[in-house]
Amino acid sequence: MSDDTPFWLVRSSDEDENSTTGTQDIVTNSIGMKFKLIKAGKFKMGSEKGYDSEKPVHWVEITKDFYMGVYEVTVGQYKKYVDEKGGYFKSSYNQQGDNAAVTGVSWKDAQGFISWLNNKEGGSHYSLPTEAQWEYSARAGTTTEYSFGDDSSLLGDYAWYGDDWTKGYAHIVGQKKPNPWGLYDMHGNVWEWVADIYSSYSSSLSSDPTGPSTGSYRVNRGGWGSTASDCRAADRRAGATTTSVFVC
């Protein structure tokens, strides 16, 4: 599993800018990233059918609305950061054009991009999603293994996965069907970083969990050169924050 992982961004919904408010369903920022308003709510996180790391299933409450990226961060968007700040960019991994999901990005690289974007737009609006925000968004109100149900034979309509990665590159974002909340590539295409340090689940109700404060690994979500099972909404993996070896 890769430690050079693409990423989504979330944006807070309570800023008072003229261009973006919490009442808009879709917002677009200064570098062309689109964000979908996700309403607060409660959901069951994890899966009793999956790996031990996905258990126990537990209730999680998301207490605040937030904006989730409609697409994974793209090559073109990440290159704007590299061009301005000299961030690390693995061109050999990103040969599918500016609209493909960027790959070869460590967790710390992602933090550099986020810091640049926050400075560019004058605030601290952007971050990686928490693991709970990611799964809440991936499930999109469903309780099944995938956002479209439990039938893995339908996964190809919604995700690039398995043999789809044989050329070694990520795909252009948004080519498959979106989930019920209008988010693309939550299943498959590429593994994605989230904010949390990896840890075991608790069985108790948790409100806006952010993971432990210390630890060696961050959580990856979504799947890529993976089996259908590894692209389920509950599937979770761990990756070091600094390594630079791209292995799908």
Protein backbone atom coordinates (compact mmCIF):
# COMPACT_ATOMS: atom_id res chain seq x y z
CA MET A 1 0.00 0.00 0.00
CA SER A 2 1.36 3.38 -0.98
CA ASP A 3 2.79 5.98 1.34
CA ASP A 4 2.71 8.44 -1.60
CA THR A 5 -0.96 9.11 -1.59
CA PRO A 6 -3.27 11.71 -3.13
CA PHE A 7 -5.67 13.64 -1.00
CA TRP A 8 -8.98 15.43 -0.68
CA LEU A 9 -9.49 18.74 1.04
CA VAL A 10 -12.29 19.94 3.28
CA ARG A 11 -13.17 23.58 3.78
CA SER A 12 -14.90 25.05 6.79
CA SER A 13 -18.47 26.25 6.20
CA ASP A 14 -18.49 29.16 8.64
CA GLU A 15 -16.18 31.71 7.03
CA ASP A 16 -17.63 35.14 6.26
CA GLU A 17 -16.00 35.83 2.89
CA ASN A 18 -18.00 37.40 0.09
CA SER A 19 -17.11 34.58 -2.32
CA THR A 20 -17.97 31.65 -0.08
CA THR A 21 -20.59 31.18 2.60
CA GLY A 22 -22.00 28.23 4.46
CA THR A 23 -25.32 28.58 2.64
CA GLN A 24 -23.98 27.69 -0.80
CA ASP A 25 -24.29 24.07 -1.94
CA ILE A 26 -21.25 24.18 -4.26
CA VAL A 27 -18.33 26.60 -4.01
CA THR A 28 -15.28 27.03 -6.24
CA ASN A 29 -12.04 28.49 -4.92
CA SER A 30 -9.31 30.60 -6.52
CA ILE A 31 -7.49 27.65 -8.12
CA GLY A 32 -10.63 26.00 -9.49
CA MET A 33 -11.28 23.43 -6.76
CA LYS A 34 -14.96 22.61 -6.25
CA PHE A 35 -16.41 21.84 -2.81
CA LYS A 36 -19.79 20.37 -1.87
CA LEU A 37 -21.59 21.37 1.30
CA ILE A 38 -21.96 18.33 3.58
CA LYS A 39 -24.55 18.73 6.32
CA ALA A 40 -23.90 17.65 9.90
CA GLY A 41 -25.32 14.31 10.98
CA LYS A 42 -24.79 10.96 12.65
CA PHE A 43 -23.69 7.67 11.07
CA LYS A 44 -22.40 4.19 11.83
CA MET A 45 -18.65 4.04 11.17
CA GLY A 46 -16.82 0.80 10.40
CA SER A 47 -17.94 -2.63 9.20
CA GLU A 48 -18.54 -5.94 10.96
CA LYS A 49 -18.00 -7.71 7.62
CA GLY A 50 -14.57 -6.21 7.01
CA TYR A 51 -11.12 -6.42 8.54
CA ASP A 52 -10.51 -6.29 12.29
CA SER A 53 -9.27 -2.71 11.89
CA GLU A 54 -12.82 -1.70 10.87
CA LYS A 55 -14.38 -3.00 14.09
CA PRO A 56 -16.28 -2.37 16.21
CA VAL A 57 -18.96 -0.53 14.27
CA HIS A 58 -19.72 2.59 16.28
CA TRP A 59 -21.87 5.69 16.07
CA VAL A 60 -20.14 8.92 15.11
CA GLU A 61 -21.69 12.37 15.15
CA ILE A 62 -20.50 15.11 12.82
CA THR A 63 -21.67 18.24 14.61
CA LYS A 64 -20.80 20.92 12.04
CA ASP A 65 -21.47 21.33 8.33
CA PHE A 66 -18.34 21.29 6.17
CA TYR A 67 -17.34 21.44 2.53
CA MET A 68 -15.81 18.32 0.96
CA GLY A 69 -13.84 18.40 -2.26
CA VAL A 70 -15.99 17.16 -5.14
CA TYR A 71 -12.87 15.62 -6.69
CA GLU A 72 -9.46 14.47 -5.52
CA VAL A 73 -6.76 17.14 -5.75
CA THR A 74 -5.51 17.15 -9.34
CA VAL A 75 -2.08 17.35 -10.93
CA GLY A 76 -2.84 20.84 -12.27
CA GLN A 77 -3.95 22.17 -8.89
CA TYR A 78 -0.94 20.71 -7.09
CA LYS A 79 1.44 22.06 -9.75
CA LYS A 80 0.25 25.60 -8.98
CA TYR A 81 1.66 25.10 -5.50
CA VAL A 82 4.89 23.59 -6.84
CA ASP A 83 5.35 26.42 -9.33
CA GLU A 84 4.89 29.08 -6.64
CA LYS A 85 6.58 27.47 -3.65
CA GLY A 86 8.83 24.75 -5.05
CA GLY A 87 7.02 21.86 -3.39
CA TYR A 88 8.07 18.32 -4.21
CA PHE A 89 6.46 16.89 -7.36
CA LYS A 90 7.07 13.46 -8.90
CA SER A 91 6.56 14.12 -12.60
CA SER A 92 7.24 10.47 -13.47
CA TYR A 93 4.10 9.48 -11.53
CA ASN A 94 1.87 12.17 -13.00
CA GLN A 95 1.78 11.74 -16.78
CA GLN A 96 -1.98 11.63 -17.30
CA GLY A 97 -2.42 15.39 -17.58
CA ASP A 98 -3.53 18.20 -15.31
CA ASN A 99 -6.99 16.73 -14.65
CA ALA A 100 -5.73 13.44 -13.20
CA ALA A 101 -5.51 12.87 -9.45
CA VAL A 102 -2.05 13.88 -8.26
CA THR A 103 0.08 11.03 -6.89
CA GLY A 104 3.50 10.69 -5.26
CA VAL A 105 2.40 13.02 -2.45
CA SER A 106 3.41 12.29 1.14
CA TRP A 107 1.24 13.37 4.07
CA LYS A 108 3.73 16.13 4.80
CA ASP A 109 3.66 17.23 1.13
CA ALA A 110 -0.13 17.51 1.44
CA GLN A 111 0.29 19.72 4.50
CA GLY A 112 2.59 22.00 2.50
CA PHE A 113 -0.06 22.36 -0.21
CA ILE A 114 -2.71 23.13 2.40
CA SER A 115 -0.56 25.78 4.09
CA TRP A 116 0.10 27.41 0.72
CA LEU A 117 -3.60 27.42 -0.20
CA ASN A 118 -4.64 28.85 3.16
CA ASN A 119 -2.08 31.63 2.82
CA LYS A 120 -3.15 32.27 -0.76
CA GLU A 121 -6.79 32.71 0.23
CA GLY A 122 -6.13 34.50 3.50
CA GLY A 123 -7.29 32.26 6.31
CA SER A 124 -7.22 28.75 7.71
CA HIS A 125 -10.22 27.35 5.89
CA TYR A 126 -8.63 24.24 4.36
CA SER A 127 -7.47 20.96 5.87
CA LEU A 128 -7.40 17.27 5.16
CA PRO A 129 -10.70 15.63 6.12
CA THR A 130 -10.76 13.74 9.38
CA GLU A 131 -11.21 10.02 8.96
CA ALA A 132 -14.78 10.38 10.21
CA GLN A 133 -15.54 13.18 7.74
CA TRP A 134 -14.10 11.05 4.94
CA GLU A 135 -16.19 7.95 5.72
CA TYR A 136 -19.31 10.04 6.36
CA SER A 137 -18.85 11.62 2.92
CA ALA A 138 -18.02 8.31 1.24
CA ARG A 139 -21.10 6.61 2.65
CA ALA A 140 -23.29 9.57 1.68
CA GLY A 141 -26.16 8.53 3.92
CA THR A 142 -25.93 4.80 3.17
CA THR A 143 -25.20 1.88 5.50
CA THR A 144 -24.00 -0.56 2.83
CA GLU A 145 -20.46 -1.64 1.93
CA TYR A 146 -20.38 0.86 -0.93
CA SER A 147 -22.32 4.07 -1.48
CA PHE A 148 -24.32 2.27 -4.20
CA GLY A 149 -25.11 -0.89 -2.21
CA ASP A 150 -23.45 -4.21 -1.41
CA ASP A 151 -23.06 -5.61 -4.94
CA SER A 152 -19.35 -5.35 -5.77
CA SER A 153 -20.04 -6.26 -9.41
CA LEU A 154 -21.29 -2.67 -9.84
CA LEU A 155 -18.08 -1.11 -8.53
CA GLY A 156 -16.67 -0.54 -12.01
CA ASP A 157 -19.42 2.00 -12.65
CA TYR A 158 -18.17 4.11 -9.74
CA ALA A 159 -14.46 3.38 -9.35
CA TRP A 160 -11.15 2.74 -11.04
CA TYR A 161 -9.64 -0.23 -9.20
CA GLY A 162 -7.77 -3.52 -9.56
CA ASP A 163 -6.48 -4.02 -13.09
CA ASP A 164 -7.40 -0.43 -14.03
CA TRP A 165 -4.00 0.67 -12.71
CA THR A 166 -1.85 -1.55 -14.97
CA LYS A 167 -0.35 1.48 -16.76
CA GLY A 168 0.87 2.75 -13.41
CA TYR A 169 -0.96 6.08 -13.37
CA ALA A 170 -4.02 7.57 -11.71
CA HIS A 171 -7.02 8.42 -13.85
CA ILE A 172 -8.63 11.75 -14.68
CA VAL A 173 -11.00 12.64 -11.86
CA GLY A 174 -14.77 12.55 -12.23
CA GLN A 175 -15.06 10.01 -15.05
CA LYS A 176 -17.09 7.48 -13.07
CA LYS A 177 -20.49 7.90 -11.42
CA PRO A 178 -20.64 10.08 -8.28
CA ASN A 179 -21.99 8.93 -4.94
CA PRO A 180 -25.44 10.11 -3.75
CA TRP A 181 -23.94 13.34 -2.41
CA GLY A 182 -22.28 14.23 -5.69
CA LEU A 183 -18.69 13.27 -4.77
CA TYR A 184 -16.51 11.44 -7.30
CA ASP A 185 -13.87 8.71 -6.87
CA MET A 186 -14.51 8.12 -3.18
CA HIS A 187 -14.16 4.45 -4.08
CA GLY A 188 -10.94 3.63 -5.94
CA ASN A 189 -8.77 5.66 -8.31
CA VAL A 190 -6.11 6.34 -5.64
CA TRP A 191 -5.52 5.92 -1.92
CA GLU A 192 -6.15 9.20 -0.12
CA TRP A 193 -4.63 10.78 2.96
CA VAL A 194 -6.84 11.91 5.84
CA ALA A 195 -5.85 13.97 8.88
CA ASP A 196 -5.96 11.30 11.59
CA ILE A 197 -3.17 9.30 13.15
CA TYR A 198 -4.03 5.62 12.76
CA SER A 199 -5.51 3.92 15.83
CA SER A 200 -8.06 1.27 16.81
CA TYR A 201 -11.74 2.11 17.07
CA SER A 202 -13.76 2.48 20.25
CA SER A 203 -17.31 1.16 20.64
CA SER A 204 -18.63 4.33 22.27
CA LEU A 205 -20.38 7.22 20.54
CA SER A 206 -17.88 9.80 19.36
CA SER A 207 -18.49 13.39 18.30
CA ASP A 208 -16.15 14.86 15.68
CA PRO A 209 -13.32 12.38 16.37
CA THR A 210 -9.83 13.41 15.27
CA GLY A 211 -7.76 10.39 16.30
CA PRO A 212 -4.94 10.26 18.87
CA SER A 213 -2.48 13.11 19.32
CA THR A 214 0.63 10.96 18.81
CA GLY A 215 1.57 8.03 16.60
CA SER A 216 3.76 6.98 13.69
CA TYR A 217 1.22 6.48 10.90
CA ARG A 218 -1.63 8.38 9.25
CA VAL A 219 -4.78 6.87 7.80
CA ASN A 220 -5.27 6.14 4.09
CA ARG A 221 -8.73 5.66 2.57
CA GLY A 222 -10.36 4.80 -0.75
CA GLY A 223 -8.32 2.07 -2.47
CA TRP A 224 -6.58 1.95 -5.83
CA GLY A 225 -4.68 -1.04 -7.32
CA SER A 226 -6.87 -3.02 -5.00
CA THR A 227 -9.56 -5.66 -4.83
CA ALA A 228 -13.17 -4.55 -4.69
CA SER A 229 -13.16 -5.29 -0.96
CA ASP A 230 -10.35 -2.78 -0.40
CA CYS A 231 -12.45 -0.01 -1.99
CA ARG A 232 -15.31 -0.32 0.52
CA ALA A 233 -16.36 2.78 2.44
CA ALA A 234 -15.11 1.30 5.74
CA ASP A 235 -11.72 0.04 4.54
CA ARG A 236 -8.77 1.77 6.22
CA ARG A 237 -4.98 1.50 6.00
CA ALA A 238 -1.96 3.15 7.61
CA GLY A 239 0.96 4.95 5.98
CA ALA A 240 4.07 6.77 7.21
CA THR A 241 4.00 10.54 6.69
CA THR A 242 7.36 11.04 4.97
CA THR A 243 8.22 8.09 2.74
CA SER A 244 8.51 8.65 -1.00
CA VAL A 245 8.16 5.24 -2.62
CA PHE A 246 5.12 5.00 -4.90
CA VAL A 247 3.68 1.49 -4.67
CA CYS A 248 -0.01 1.08 -5.45
